[in-house]
Protein backbone atom coordinates (compact mmCIF):
# COMPACT_ATOMS: atom_id res chain seq x y z
CA MET A 1 44.35 24.08 8.72
CA GLY A 2 43.16 21.57 11.31
CA LEU A 3 44.80 18.26 12.21
CA ARG A 4 42.33 16.21 10.14
CA GLU A 5 42.95 18.34 7.05
CA ARG A 6 46.74 18.08 7.50
CA LEU A 7 46.45 14.32 7.96
CA ILE A 8 44.41 13.98 4.77
CA LYS A 9 46.94 16.16 2.98
CA GLU A 10 50.00 14.32 4.28
CA LEU A 11 48.70 10.78 3.81
CA LYS A 12 46.82 11.40 0.55
CA LEU A 13 43.50 10.36 2.03
CA GLY A 14 40.15 11.30 0.55
CA GLU A 15 38.58 11.00 -2.88
CA PRO A 16 41.15 11.40 -5.68
CA LEU A 17 40.37 13.23 -8.92
CA SER A 18 39.75 11.10 -11.98
CA LYS A 19 42.60 10.78 -14.44
CA GLU A 20 40.77 12.93 -16.97
CA LYS A 21 40.10 15.74 -14.48
CA SER A 22 43.70 15.64 -13.30
CA LEU A 23 44.96 15.95 -16.87
CA GLU A 24 42.63 18.90 -17.41
CA ARG A 25 43.82 20.48 -14.18
CA GLY A 26 47.46 20.21 -15.23
CA ARG A 27 46.89 21.77 -18.63
CA ALA A 28 44.82 24.60 -17.14
CA LEU A 29 47.57 25.46 -14.68
CA ARG A 30 49.85 26.51 -17.54
CA ALA A 31 47.76 29.69 -17.89
CA SER A 32 48.13 30.80 -14.26
CA VAL A 33 51.67 29.46 -13.76
CA PRO A 34 53.42 29.49 -17.15
CA ARG A 35 56.18 26.93 -17.44
CA SER A 36 58.54 29.70 -18.49
CA SER A 37 57.93 31.45 -15.14
CA HIS A 38 60.11 28.86 -13.41
CA ALA A 39 63.20 30.29 -15.11
CA ALA A 40 63.24 33.40 -12.98
CA TRP A 41 65.37 33.88 -9.92
CA SER A 42 66.36 37.11 -8.23
CA PRO A 43 66.75 37.67 -4.50
CA ALA A 44 64.04 39.71 -2.82
CA ALA A 45 65.00 42.92 -1.05
CA ASP A 46 64.07 41.34 2.28
CA ARG A 47 65.79 38.01 1.55
CA PRO A 48 67.09 36.53 4.84
CA ASP A 49 70.85 36.56 5.37
CA PRO A 50 72.07 33.02 4.61
CA VAL A 51 74.50 33.18 7.54
CA GLU A 52 71.66 34.04 9.90
CA LEU A 53 69.67 31.07 8.60
CA LEU A 54 72.60 28.75 9.26
CA ARG A 55 73.05 30.23 12.72
CA SER A 56 69.37 29.67 13.54
CA GLN A 57 69.65 26.06 12.39
CA GLY A 58 72.70 25.56 14.58
CA GLU A 59 70.83 26.48 17.76
CA THR A 60 69.39 22.96 18.11
CA ARG A 61 72.62 21.12 17.24
CA VAL A 62 75.58 19.97 19.29
CA GLN A 63 77.50 23.22 19.64
CA ALA A 64 80.90 21.54 19.83
CA LEU A 65 80.35 20.03 16.38
CA LEU A 66 79.30 23.21 14.57
CA PRO A 67 82.89 24.19 13.68
CA LEU A 68 83.27 20.81 11.94
CA ARG A 69 80.01 21.36 10.07
CA TYR A 70 81.13 24.78 8.86
CA GLU A 71 84.56 23.42 7.95
CA ARG A 72 82.99 20.76 5.74
CA MET A 73 80.63 23.26 4.16
CA SER A 74 83.50 25.65 3.43
CA ALA A 75 85.37 23.18 1.21
CA SER A 76 83.65 24.40 -1.98
CA ALA A 77 80.54 26.11 -3.30
CA PHE A 78 79.14 22.61 -3.87
CA THR A 79 79.64 21.43 -0.27
CA PHE A 80 78.16 24.72 0.90
CA TYR A 81 75.11 24.05 -1.27
CA ARG A 82 74.78 20.56 0.17
CA GLY A 83 74.70 21.96 3.69
CA GLY A 84 72.40 24.87 2.82
CA ALA A 85 69.04 23.15 2.39
CA LEU A 86 67.37 25.68 4.69
CA ILE A 87 68.72 28.60 2.66
CA MET A 88 67.26 27.23 -0.56
CA ALA A 89 63.97 26.22 1.05
CA SER A 90 63.59 29.84 2.14
CA ASP A 91 64.32 31.02 -1.39
CA LEU A 92 62.04 28.46 -3.05
CA SER A 93 59.15 29.53 -0.83
CA ARG A 94 59.04 32.74 -2.91
CA THR A 95 59.05 31.06 -6.33
CA PRO A 96 56.03 30.11 -8.51
CA THR A 97 54.31 26.78 -7.83
CA THR A 98 51.30 25.02 -9.33
CA GLY A 99 49.87 24.08 -5.94
CA ILE A 100 50.30 20.36 -6.66
CA GLU A 101 51.93 18.71 -3.67
CA VAL A 102 53.91 15.50 -3.34
CA GLN A 103 55.92 13.85 -0.60
CA ALA A 104 58.93 16.09 -1.19
CA CYS A 105 62.47 15.02 -0.39
CA GLY A 106 63.30 18.55 0.77
CA ASP A 107 66.99 18.11 -0.06
CA ALA A 108 67.03 16.49 -3.49
CA HIS A 109 70.54 17.43 -4.60
CA ILE A 110 72.51 15.06 -6.81
CA SER A 111 74.70 13.76 -3.95
CA ASN A 112 71.60 12.52 -2.15
CA PHE A 113 70.99 9.83 -4.76
CA GLY A 114 72.80 6.54 -4.47
CA MET A 115 72.76 2.76 -4.25
CA PHE A 116 71.60 0.38 -1.56
CA SER A 117 70.45 -3.20 -1.16
CA SER A 118 66.73 -3.90 -1.19
CA PRO A 119 65.22 -6.45 1.23
CA GLU A 120 65.26 -8.84 -1.74
CA ARG A 121 69.06 -8.24 -1.91
CA ARG A 122 69.12 -6.58 -5.30
CA THR A 123 71.11 -3.36 -5.61
CA VAL A 124 68.92 -0.43 -6.59
CA PHE A 125 69.44 3.27 -7.27
CA ASP A 126 67.22 5.77 -5.47
CA ILE A 127 67.06 8.83 -3.26
CA ASN A 128 69.05 8.02 -0.13
CA ASP A 129 68.50 10.96 2.24
CA PHE A 130 65.12 11.82 3.72
CA ASP A 131 65.98 13.97 6.73
CA GLU A 132 64.00 16.91 5.32
CA THR A 133 61.08 15.01 3.76
CA LEU A 134 57.64 16.58 4.05
CA PRO A 135 54.65 17.13 1.77
CA GLY A 136 55.37 20.17 -0.37
CA PRO A 137 55.49 21.55 -3.93
CA TRP A 138 57.03 19.16 -6.46
CA GLU A 139 58.79 22.08 -8.14
CA TRP A 140 61.01 22.69 -5.10
CA ASP A 141 62.63 19.26 -5.36
CA VAL A 142 63.17 19.56 -9.11
CA LYS A 143 64.73 23.01 -8.78
CA ARG A 144 67.07 21.89 -6.00
CA LEU A 145 68.15 18.91 -8.10
CA ALA A 146 68.62 20.94 -11.29
CA ALA A 147 70.68 23.61 -9.50
CA SER A 148 72.83 20.93 -7.88
CA VAL A 149 73.72 19.51 -11.31
CA GLU A 150 74.83 22.96 -12.49
CA ILE A 151 76.85 23.54 -9.31
CA CYS A 152 78.42 20.08 -9.50
CA GLY A 153 79.39 20.76 -13.12
CA ARG A 154 81.05 24.00 -12.09
CA ASP A 155 82.86 22.22 -9.29
CA ASN A 156 84.20 19.70 -11.81
CA GLY A 157 85.34 22.43 -14.19
CA PHE A 158 82.94 21.59 -17.03
CA SER A 159 82.10 24.13 -19.72
CA GLU A 160 78.86 26.11 -19.69
CA LYS A 161 77.59 24.10 -22.67
CA LYS A 162 78.28 20.75 -21.00
CA ARG A 163 76.72 21.89 -17.72
CA ARG A 164 73.56 23.02 -19.49
CA ALA A 165 73.37 19.70 -21.33
CA ALA A 166 73.51 17.86 -17.99
CA VAL A 167 70.81 20.05 -16.42
CA LEU A 168 68.55 19.67 -19.46
CA ALA A 169 69.03 15.88 -19.31
CA CYS A 170 68.10 15.93 -15.62
CA VAL A 171 64.85 17.84 -16.13
CA GLN A 172 64.04 15.88 -19.28
CA GLY A 173 64.52 12.69 -17.27
CA TYR A 174 62.01 14.01 -14.74
CA ARG A 175 59.49 15.15 -17.36
CA GLU A 176 59.65 11.99 -19.46
CA GLY A 177 59.66 9.79 -16.37
CA MET A 178 56.51 11.51 -15.11
CA ALA A 179 54.86 11.09 -18.52
CA ALA A 180 55.65 7.36 -18.49
CA PHE A 181 54.25 6.98 -14.97
CA ALA A 182 51.08 8.85 -16.02
CA ASP A 183 50.52 6.10 -18.59
CA ARG A 184 50.86 3.30 -16.04
CA GLY A 185 48.58 1.91 -13.36
CA HIS A 186 49.03 2.62 -9.67
CA LEU A 187 50.62 -0.73 -8.83
CA ASP A 188 52.99 -0.54 -11.79
CA VAL A 189 54.17 2.87 -10.58
CA TRP A 190 54.51 1.57 -7.04
CA TYR A 191 56.72 -1.34 -8.10
CA ALA A 192 58.90 0.53 -10.62
CA HIS A 193 62.58 0.86 -9.77
CA LEU A 194 65.98 1.56 -11.30
CA ASP A 195 68.46 -1.22 -10.66
CA VAL A 196 72.16 -0.49 -10.50
CA ASP A 197 73.04 -2.59 -13.55
CA THR A 198 70.84 -0.38 -15.74
CA LEU A 199 72.47 2.72 -14.28
CA ARG A 200 75.93 1.26 -14.86
CA GLU A 201 75.08 0.65 -18.51
CA LYS A 202 73.91 4.25 -18.93
CA ILE A 203 77.05 5.71 -17.35
CA ALA A 204 79.33 3.31 -19.18
CA ALA A 205 77.68 4.18 -22.50
CA ALA A 206 78.20 7.87 -21.73
CA ALA A 207 81.91 7.18 -21.35
CA GLU A 208 81.91 6.08 -25.01
CA ALA A 209 83.23 2.62 -24.27
CA ASP A 210 86.10 3.97 -22.21
CA VAL A 211 87.44 0.71 -20.73
CA LYS A 212 89.12 2.50 -17.83
CA SER A 213 85.92 4.29 -16.82
CA THR A 214 83.89 1.10 -17.10
CA LYS A 215 86.32 -0.79 -14.88
CA LYS A 216 86.16 2.03 -12.32
CA ALA A 217 82.35 1.81 -12.32
CA ASP A 218 82.42 -1.96 -11.87
CA LYS A 219 84.93 -1.67 -9.03
CA PHE A 220 82.81 0.95 -7.28
CA ILE A 221 79.61 -1.08 -7.59
CA ALA A 222 81.37 -4.18 -6.24
CA LYS A 223 82.61 -2.13 -3.30
CA VAL A 224 79.12 -0.81 -2.56
CA LYS A 225 77.63 -4.30 -2.68
CA SER A 226 80.20 -5.45 -0.11
CA LYS A 227 79.25 -2.73 2.38
CA ASP A 228 77.41 -4.58 5.11
CA SER A 229 77.44 -4.97 8.89
CA ALA A 230 80.39 -7.37 8.76
CA ARG A 231 82.49 -4.79 6.92
CA ALA A 232 81.33 -2.06 9.30
CA VAL A 233 82.49 -4.18 12.24
CA ARG A 234 85.90 -4.66 10.62
CA LYS A 235 86.23 -0.92 10.03
CA PHE A 236 84.93 0.50 13.29
CA THR A 237 85.67 -2.10 15.99
CA GLU A 238 88.45 -4.03 17.66
CA VAL A 239 88.50 -6.96 20.08
CA VAL A 240 89.39 -6.11 23.69
CA ASP A 241 89.49 -8.92 26.26
CA GLY A 242 87.50 -11.08 23.90
CA GLN A 243 84.77 -8.43 23.40
CA LEU A 244 83.99 -6.22 20.40
CA ARG A 245 84.60 -2.55 21.12
CA ILE A 246 84.08 0.45 18.86
CA VAL A 247 87.39 2.18 18.21
CA SER A 248 87.62 5.77 19.39
CA ASP A 249 88.40 8.23 16.58
CA PRO A 250 87.66 11.77 17.79
CA PRO A 251 86.15 14.05 16.67
CA ILE A 252 84.35 11.63 14.32
CA ILE A 253 83.68 8.66 16.65
CA PHE A 254 83.23 8.83 20.42
CA PRO A 255 82.37 5.51 22.11
CA LEU A 256 79.66 5.83 24.75
CA ARG A 257 82.02 4.48 27.44
CA GLU A 258 84.29 7.50 26.90
CA LEU A 259 81.38 9.93 27.05
CA LEU A 260 80.18 8.36 30.31
CA SER A 261 83.67 8.60 31.78
CA GLN A 262 83.99 12.23 30.76
CA GLU A 263 80.65 13.13 32.27
CA SER A 264 81.53 11.44 35.56
CA GLY A 265 85.03 12.85 35.73
CA GLY A 266 86.40 9.33 35.35
CA ARG A 267 84.80 8.18 38.62
CA PHE A 268 82.81 5.27 37.13
CA THR A 269 84.29 1.86 37.75
CA GLU A 270 84.71 -0.26 34.63
CA GLN A 271 81.99 -2.63 35.84
CA PHE A 272 79.50 0.18 36.49
CA GLU A 273 80.36 1.76 33.18
CA GLU A 274 79.70 -1.48 31.31
CA ARG A 275 76.29 -1.83 32.95
CA SER A 276 75.48 1.79 32.08
CA ILE A 277 76.34 1.21 28.43
CA GLU A 278 74.24 -1.94 28.27
CA ARG A 279 71.25 -0.21 29.88
CA ALA A 280 71.55 2.74 27.52
CA ILE A 281 71.65 0.52 24.44
CA ARG A 282 68.80 -1.70 25.61
CA ALA A 283 66.62 1.35 26.33
CA VAL A 284 67.14 2.58 22.77
CA LEU A 285 66.48 -0.83 21.25
CA PHE A 286 63.35 -1.40 23.32
CA GLU A 287 61.64 1.76 22.10
CA TYR A 288 62.92 1.33 18.55
CA SER A 289 61.77 -2.29 18.22
CA SER A 290 58.25 -1.30 19.25
CA THR A 291 57.97 0.58 15.93
CA LEU A 292 58.73 -2.59 13.95
CA GLY A 293 56.37 -5.40 13.01
CA PRO A 294 56.28 -8.47 15.29
CA HIS A 295 58.44 -10.59 12.96
CA LYS A 296 61.13 -7.91 12.83
CA GLN A 297 60.98 -7.47 16.59
CA ALA A 298 61.73 -11.17 16.86
CA LEU A 299 64.71 -10.72 14.55
CA ILE A 300 66.13 -7.85 16.63
CA ARG A 301 65.78 -9.94 19.80
CA GLU A 302 68.14 -12.51 18.28
CA TYR A 303 70.98 -9.95 18.53
CA THR A 304 72.84 -8.96 21.68
CA PRO A 305 73.95 -5.32 22.02
CA VAL A 306 77.73 -4.99 22.34
CA ASP A 307 78.75 -1.32 22.08
CA MET A 308 77.51 2.12 21.10
CA ALA A 309 79.24 5.29 19.88
CA HIS A 310 78.48 8.79 18.66
CA LYS A 311 79.51 9.07 15.00
CA VAL A 312 79.58 12.28 12.96
CA VAL A 313 78.01 11.92 9.51
CA GLY A 314 77.59 13.90 6.31
CA VAL A 315 77.93 17.62 5.63
CA GLY A 316 74.55 19.18 6.34
CA SER A 317 73.89 16.63 9.10
CA VAL A 318 76.98 17.49 11.14
CA GLY A 319 75.89 18.77 14.53
CA THR A 320 72.85 16.53 14.72
CA ARG A 321 73.21 13.60 17.08
CA ALA A 322 74.01 10.29 15.40
CA TRP A 323 74.97 6.97 16.98
CA ILE A 324 76.03 3.54 15.82
CA VAL A 325 75.05 0.42 17.76
CA VAL A 326 77.06 -2.79 17.29
CA MET A 327 75.18 -6.03 17.94
CA GLN A 328 76.17 -9.69 17.73
CA GLY A 329 74.00 -12.56 16.54
CA ALA A 330 74.65 -16.28 16.47
CA ASP A 331 78.43 -15.75 16.67
CA LYS A 332 81.15 -13.20 15.95
CA ASP A 333 80.56 -13.65 12.22
CA ASP A 334 76.91 -12.62 12.51
CA PRO A 335 76.95 -8.88 13.36
CA LEU A 336 74.35 -6.16 12.93
CA VAL A 337 75.27 -2.47 13.02
CA LEU A 338 72.47 0.05 13.35
CA GLN A 339 72.61 3.80 12.88
CA VAL A 340 70.48 5.89 15.24
CA LYS A 341 70.28 9.34 13.66
CA GLU A 342 68.61 12.42 15.08
CA ALA A 343 65.68 13.83 13.13
CA GLN A 344 65.03 17.50 13.67
CA GLU A 345 62.43 19.80 12.15
CA SER A 346 62.37 19.61 8.35
CA VAL A 347 63.70 22.72 6.62
CA LEU A 348 60.39 22.80 4.75
CA GLU A 349 58.26 23.14 7.89
CA ARG A 350 58.92 26.86 8.25
CA PHE A 351 57.28 27.37 4.86
CA VAL A 352 54.59 24.69 4.38
CA GLY A 353 53.51 23.95 7.95
CA ARG A 354 54.34 21.34 10.55
CA SER A 355 54.23 17.62 9.93
CA VAL A 356 51.27 15.67 11.29
CA PHE A 357 53.79 13.29 12.82
CA GLY A 358 54.72 14.54 16.27
CA GLN A 359 57.88 12.41 16.17
CA HIS A 360 60.37 13.57 13.53
CA GLY A 361 61.93 10.13 13.29
CA GLN A 362 58.56 8.78 12.25
CA ARG A 363 58.22 11.67 9.78
CA VAL A 364 61.47 10.61 8.10
CA VAL A 365 60.62 6.89 8.06
CA GLU A 366 57.08 7.32 6.75
CA GLY A 367 58.30 9.74 4.08
CA GLN A 368 61.03 7.36 2.98
CA ARG A 369 58.65 4.43 2.78
CA ALA A 370 56.26 6.52 0.67
CA MET A 371 58.93 7.63 -1.79
CA GLN A 372 61.03 4.47 -2.21
CA THR A 373 60.07 1.20 -3.87
CA SER A 374 62.41 -0.69 -1.53
CA SER A 375 63.40 0.62 1.89
CA ASP A 376 65.59 -0.78 4.64
CA MET A 377 63.47 -3.46 6.31
CA LEU A 378 64.74 -2.36 9.74
CA LEU A 379 63.63 1.27 9.49
CA GLY A 380 62.14 2.50 12.74
CA TRP A 381 62.28 5.36 15.21
CA CYS A 382 62.77 6.16 18.88
CA ARG A 383 63.46 8.94 21.38
CA MET A 384 66.45 9.15 23.71
CA LEU A 385 68.03 11.58 26.13
CA ALA A 386 70.69 13.93 24.78
CA GLU A 387 73.55 15.73 26.49
CA ASP A 388 71.27 18.66 27.32
CA GLY A 389 68.92 16.43 29.31
CA ARG A 390 66.15 16.60 26.72
CA ARG A 391 64.65 13.73 24.76
CA LYS A 392 65.37 13.97 21.03
CA ASP A 393 63.74 12.27 18.05
CA TYR A 394 65.72 9.68 16.09
CA TYR A 395 65.21 7.28 13.22
CA VAL A 396 66.99 3.94 13.04
CA ARG A 397 68.33 2.03 10.04
CA GLN A 398 71.13 -0.36 9.17
CA LEU A 399 74.40 1.55 9.01
CA TRP A 400 75.70 -0.16 5.89
CA ASP A 401 73.39 -2.28 3.79
CA GLY A 402 74.96 -2.04 0.35
CA LYS A 403 74.74 1.75 0.62
CA GLY A 404 76.95 4.03 -1.41
CA SER A 405 77.00 7.31 -3.36
CA ILE A 406 78.89 7.96 -6.57
CA ASP A 407 82.02 10.08 -6.30
CA LEU A 408 80.88 12.98 -8.47
CA SER A 409 84.36 14.46 -8.72
CA LEU A 410 85.46 11.48 -10.84
CA LEU A 411 82.74 11.84 -13.48
CA GLU A 412 83.29 13.09 -17.00
CA ALA A 413 80.77 15.59 -18.36
CA ALA A 414 78.94 12.92 -20.38
CA GLN A 415 78.72 10.67 -17.31
CA LEU A 416 77.34 13.52 -15.20
CA LYS A 417 74.70 14.01 -17.89
CA ALA A 418 73.73 10.32 -17.75
CA LEU A 419 73.63 10.31 -13.95
CA ALA A 420 71.58 13.53 -13.87
CA ALA A 421 69.00 11.98 -16.20
CA ALA A 422 68.76 8.93 -13.91
CA CYS A 423 68.29 11.20 -10.88
CA GLY A 424 65.53 13.09 -12.71
CA TRP A 425 63.70 9.84 -13.48
CA THR A 426 64.15 8.66 -9.89
CA LEU A 427 62.75 11.88 -8.45
CA ALA A 428 59.78 11.67 -10.83
CA HIS A 429 59.13 8.15 -9.56
CA ALA A 430 59.06 9.31 -5.93
CA HIS A 431 56.68 12.13 -6.82
CA ALA A 432 54.49 9.89 -8.98
CA ARG A 433 54.03 7.52 -6.03
CA THR A 434 52.90 10.28 -3.69
CA GLY A 435 51.29 13.03 -5.81
CA ASP A 436 49.00 13.63 -8.76
CA ARG A 437 51.22 12.31 -11.54
CA PHE A 438 48.57 12.95 -14.16
CA ALA A 439 48.32 16.65 -13.38
CA ILE A 440 52.08 17.10 -13.11
CA SER A 441 52.70 15.32 -16.41
CA SER A 442 49.96 17.24 -18.17
CA TYR A 443 51.37 20.51 -16.87
CA LEU A 444 54.89 19.64 -18.04
CA GLY A 445 53.72 18.54 -21.49
CA HIS A 446 55.86 17.01 -24.22
CA SER A 447 57.96 20.02 -25.24
CA ASP A 448 61.20 21.09 -23.58
CA LYS A 449 59.79 24.45 -22.41
CA PHE A 450 59.98 23.49 -18.73
CA ASP A 451 63.42 21.91 -19.20
CA ARG A 452 64.84 25.13 -20.62
CA ALA A 453 63.23 27.20 -17.89
CA LEU A 454 64.84 25.05 -15.19
CA ALA A 455 68.21 25.19 -16.95
CA ASP A 456 68.03 28.99 -16.81
CA PHE A 457 66.98 28.86 -13.16
CA ALA A 458 69.87 26.53 -12.34
CA VAL A 459 72.41 29.02 -13.71
CA ALA A 460 70.88 31.94 -11.86
CA TYR A 461 70.66 30.04 -8.60
CA ALA A 462 74.19 28.67 -8.94
CA ASP A 463 75.34 32.29 -9.17
CA GLN A 464 73.34 33.04 -6.03
CA ASN A 465 74.91 30.06 -4.29
CA GLU A 466 78.39 31.33 -5.13
CA ALA A 467 77.54 34.73 -3.68
CA ASP A 468 76.15 33.09 -0.53
CA TYR A 469 79.27 30.92 -0.31
CA GLN A 470 81.49 34.00 -0.35
CA ARG A 471 79.33 35.61 2.34
CA PHE A 472 79.66 32.42 4.38
CA ARG A 473 83.45 32.30 3.99
CA GLU A 474 83.76 35.92 5.03
CA ALA A 475 81.53 35.28 8.05
CA LEU A 476 83.74 32.37 9.08
CA GLU A 477 86.88 34.46 8.81
CA ALA A 478 85.24 37.28 10.78
CA GLY A 479 84.14 34.89 13.54
CA GLU A 480 80.43 35.49 12.98
CA LEU A 481 79.73 31.77 13.24
CA ALA A 482 81.99 31.11 16.21
């Protein structure tokens, strides 16, 4: 496929099918790809070793951080699943698909949905991780989400019946959400969103008026809303000689000044070191700001860079290069903290082809903007030198802007079911914005046939995940991932 064809495919250019033809297409696909066919999962004889896939992924990461990545993944079968997006992408590439593509998340597990503040300062619920986003089959996202609900339920000790109810609610939320979007106009779909108050009501109702659970939810939401740059500065910095400095907390946080000193054997003078830090930060900000609109560039210029540090994030992301940049505005009470996070090849690219965007940071940003109703207004991208002397791709966003994910370990079974349904609806919204919602909805239909198929798949794949987790643990103990 040539560049023009990939561009048309990735950006949804060209003449769209009429609604009627799309509906016909979806119904017709049931004959060639029965909805019940999605229930099946069994590993192929030549299935790649999951440990080898993880090892191949680690080749482009910071080698010193790989032990921390594997340690976090080893905590449970659920954390292993969260870090194993490449393993599942490889498996999903062998499963049935309708051929209908969307802007796929690529890692749509239940922990990758959460809350954040929109530019209009309302708190919304949406997908919050786009590192793997790429155009791909809609089924892959739904299957990864459904399996994650089953695995989360197992991790929480829920019964088989309650886990299945949560998975069915998840897929039903997707199916019914897609049907609703198929009945709405393009702009209505584009503007649709799920605000956090609606989600709170759903989870609170699932707790059957449990006052304690409701208070916990309210406390969590209040905490998320308070997560901003000012709070990040209080958590990660201290004042030294009247200047803000990021606090060193190895192996999680390494200030740039320490990295420069280590690389020079401690020979840099403090003055030279400070100039080096300032130059490094300004170089990043210059390239990043060029990807913003003129009015946002003007906003960024109002802030003065103060300090920069490498900060480890996530589970699956550990080993990729991630930085935080602290900036000061009108005074010490006007901070801005940016996260500069490395964007590597999407796990989907091995199976659906390379992105048309030559810069992976741009791939992430453009995918996020396509899938979300409201995105961080300061999203951008840049390249910068890494420790190996090569320029790496990064995307940039505000570190904390009302962002937060629900602690799944605290949920009751009924609350997991309510949250799973909300995640299903949210994923349907992202797919409806970027794919043929009429064809997908028509294919899914109004019965629960697809829901039941995905619930069966989720059980089978959760079993596979547990087997892979044991293989991973044994490999760690044997030193295969050292």
